[in-house]
Structures are given as structure tokens and as C-alpha cells.
Amino acid sequence: VNGEAKNDTNDHEEPQQKQEEDSEEVDVHFEPIVNLPLIDVSNNEEDEIEMIK
């Protein structure tokens, strides 16, 4: 008798968790506080001669 009792709380929690996951897919965009200028990044290989191709 006690072993056949079903716990119904799990059935009600699954749809609520799925709704929370769907609502978390929000596209968030923040504007930068400080605008930084674009810089050229070098790796110090610009002046090297390619020996092996």
C-alpha cells in the first residue's frame, strides 16, 4: 500500500523548469562604457622571409 503511492510533485515541476529555460534565452546587448580605438596587432613575423612553403 505505501510502496504504490506516487509522488506527483515531480510531474508539476518539469513543465515549470522548461518554461524557465525558454525564458532565459533573451538576447542581451550592452553598449560599451569606454570606446577603445582599433589597433593593429603584430606578431613580429612581418619582416621575416618565408623559407619553407
N, C-alpha and C. Protein backbone atom coordinates (compact mmCIF):
# COMPACT_ATOMS: atom_id res chain seq x y z
N VAL A 1 0.84 -1.18 0.00
CA VAL A 1 0.00 0.00 0.00
C VAL A 1 0.89 1.25 0.00
N ASN A 2 1.87 1.33 0.86
CA ASN A 2 2.72 2.51 0.92
C ASN A 2 3.69 2.57 -0.26
N GLY A 3 4.09 1.43 -0.79
CA GLY A 3 5.03 1.40 -1.90
C GLY A 3 4.40 1.82 -3.21
N GLU A 4 3.09 1.77 -3.33
CA GLU A 4 2.41 2.12 -4.57
C GLU A 4 2.08 3.61 -4.67
N ALA A 5 2.30 4.35 -3.63
CA ALA A 5 1.97 5.78 -3.64
C ALA A 5 2.91 6.50 -4.61
N LYS A 6 2.34 7.35 -5.43
CA LYS A 6 3.12 8.07 -6.43
C LYS A 6 3.31 9.51 -5.97
N ASN A 7 4.51 10.01 -6.15
CA ASN A 7 4.81 11.39 -5.79
C ASN A 7 4.51 12.27 -6.99
N ASP A 8 3.48 13.09 -6.91
CA ASP A 8 3.03 13.92 -8.03
C ASP A 8 3.79 15.25 -8.13
N THR A 9 4.66 15.55 -7.20
CA THR A 9 5.34 16.85 -7.24
C THR A 9 6.31 16.94 -8.41
N ASN A 10 6.92 15.84 -8.84
CA ASN A 10 7.85 15.87 -9.96
C ASN A 10 7.13 16.16 -11.27
N ASP A 11 5.88 15.71 -11.42
CA ASP A 11 5.14 15.95 -12.66
C ASP A 11 4.84 17.43 -12.85
N HIS A 12 4.68 18.16 -11.77
CA HIS A 12 4.34 19.58 -11.88
C HIS A 12 5.59 20.45 -12.04
N GLU A 13 6.73 19.97 -11.61
CA GLU A 13 7.95 20.79 -11.66
C GLU A 13 8.59 20.79 -13.04
N GLU A 14 8.49 19.72 -13.82
CA GLU A 14 9.15 19.64 -15.11
C GLU A 14 8.68 20.71 -16.10
N PRO A 15 7.38 20.94 -16.29
CA PRO A 15 6.98 22.00 -17.22
C PRO A 15 7.42 23.38 -16.75
N GLN A 16 7.43 23.61 -15.46
CA GLN A 16 7.85 24.91 -14.94
C GLN A 16 9.33 25.13 -15.22
N GLN A 17 10.15 24.09 -15.07
CA GLN A 17 11.58 24.22 -15.36
C GLN A 17 11.80 24.48 -16.84
N LYS A 18 11.03 23.85 -17.70
CA LYS A 18 11.18 24.06 -19.14
C LYS A 18 10.78 25.48 -19.51
N GLN A 19 9.75 26.03 -18.89
CA GLN A 19 9.34 27.40 -19.16
C GLN A 19 10.43 28.37 -18.71
N GLU A 20 11.08 28.10 -17.60
CA GLU A 20 12.16 28.96 -17.12
C GLU A 20 13.34 28.93 -18.07
N GLU A 21 13.67 27.75 -18.63
CA GLU A 21 14.78 27.64 -19.58
C GLU A 21 14.47 28.41 -20.85
N ASP A 22 13.23 28.35 -21.33
CA ASP A 22 12.84 29.07 -22.54
C ASP A 22 12.90 30.57 -22.33
N SER A 23 12.53 31.02 -21.14
CA SER A 23 12.52 32.46 -20.88
C SER A 23 13.93 33.02 -20.70
N GLU A 24 14.92 32.16 -20.41
CA GLU A 24 16.29 32.61 -20.22
C GLU A 24 17.01 32.89 -21.54
N GLU A 25 16.45 32.51 -22.67
CA GLU A 25 17.08 32.72 -23.97
C GLU A 25 16.78 34.12 -24.49
N VAL A 26 17.22 35.12 -23.75
CA VAL A 26 16.98 36.51 -24.11
C VAL A 26 18.26 37.06 -24.71
N ASP A 27 18.14 37.78 -25.82
CA ASP A 27 19.29 38.39 -26.46
C ASP A 27 19.62 39.70 -25.75
N VAL A 28 20.71 39.69 -25.00
CA VAL A 28 21.09 40.85 -24.21
C VAL A 28 22.24 41.56 -24.91
N HIS A 29 22.14 42.89 -25.02
CA HIS A 29 23.19 43.69 -25.65
C HIS A 29 23.49 44.88 -24.76
N PHE A 30 24.77 45.08 -24.46
CA PHE A 30 25.20 46.21 -23.65
C PHE A 30 26.11 47.10 -24.48
N GLU A 31 25.90 48.38 -24.40
CA GLU A 31 26.78 49.34 -25.07
C GLU A 31 28.04 49.51 -24.21
N PRO A 32 29.21 49.65 -24.83
CA PRO A 32 30.43 49.81 -24.04
C PRO A 32 30.46 51.14 -23.31
N ILE A 33 31.04 51.14 -22.15
CA ILE A 33 31.16 52.36 -21.37
C ILE A 33 32.27 53.24 -21.95
N VAL A 34 33.39 52.61 -22.29
CA VAL A 34 34.53 53.32 -22.86
C VAL A 34 34.79 52.76 -24.25
N ASN A 35 34.80 53.61 -25.26
CA ASN A 35 35.09 53.17 -26.62
C ASN A 35 36.60 53.18 -26.84
N LEU A 36 37.15 52.02 -27.18
CA LEU A 36 38.58 51.90 -27.41
C LEU A 36 38.85 51.94 -28.90
N PRO A 37 39.94 52.59 -29.30
CA PRO A 37 40.26 52.64 -30.73
C PRO A 37 40.78 51.28 -31.21
N LEU A 38 40.57 50.98 -32.49
CA LEU A 38 41.10 49.75 -33.06
C LEU A 38 42.60 49.90 -33.27
N ILE A 39 43.34 48.85 -32.96
CA ILE A 39 44.79 48.89 -33.14
C ILE A 39 45.22 47.73 -34.02
N ASP A 40 46.36 47.90 -34.70
CA ASP A 40 46.93 46.81 -35.49
C ASP A 40 47.76 45.93 -34.58
N VAL A 41 47.45 44.65 -34.60
CA VAL A 41 48.16 43.70 -33.77
C VAL A 41 49.21 43.02 -34.64
N SER A 42 50.44 42.99 -34.16
CA SER A 42 51.50 42.33 -34.91
C SER A 42 52.07 41.19 -34.08
N ASN A 43 52.60 40.19 -34.78
CA ASN A 43 53.19 39.05 -34.09
C ASN A 43 54.70 38.98 -34.34
N ASN A 44 55.30 40.08 -34.84
CA ASN A 44 56.73 40.21 -35.09
C ASN A 44 57.24 39.26 -36.17
N GLU A 45 56.36 38.78 -37.04
CA GLU A 45 56.76 37.93 -38.15
C GLU A 45 56.58 38.64 -39.49
N GLU A 46 56.27 39.89 -39.48
CA GLU A 46 56.00 40.62 -40.72
C GLU A 46 57.26 40.79 -41.57
N ASP A 47 58.42 40.97 -40.95
CA ASP A 47 59.65 41.22 -41.68
C ASP A 47 60.43 39.95 -41.99
N GLU A 48 59.93 38.79 -41.59
CA GLU A 48 60.65 37.55 -41.81
C GLU A 48 60.42 37.04 -43.23
N ILE A 49 61.42 36.35 -43.76
CA ILE A 49 61.33 35.75 -45.09
C ILE A 49 60.89 34.30 -44.91
N GLU A 50 59.90 33.89 -45.69
CA GLU A 50 59.38 32.53 -45.60
C GLU A 50 60.36 31.60 -46.31
N MET A 51 60.96 30.67 -45.58
CA MET A 51 61.96 29.76 -46.12
C MET A 51 61.33 28.47 -46.63
N ILE A 52 60.34 27.96 -45.95
CA ILE A 52 59.71 26.70 -46.32
C ILE A 52 58.23 26.96 -46.57
N LYS A 53 57.75 26.47 -47.73
CA LYS A 53 56.33 26.64 -48.05
C LYS A 53 55.60 25.35 -47.95
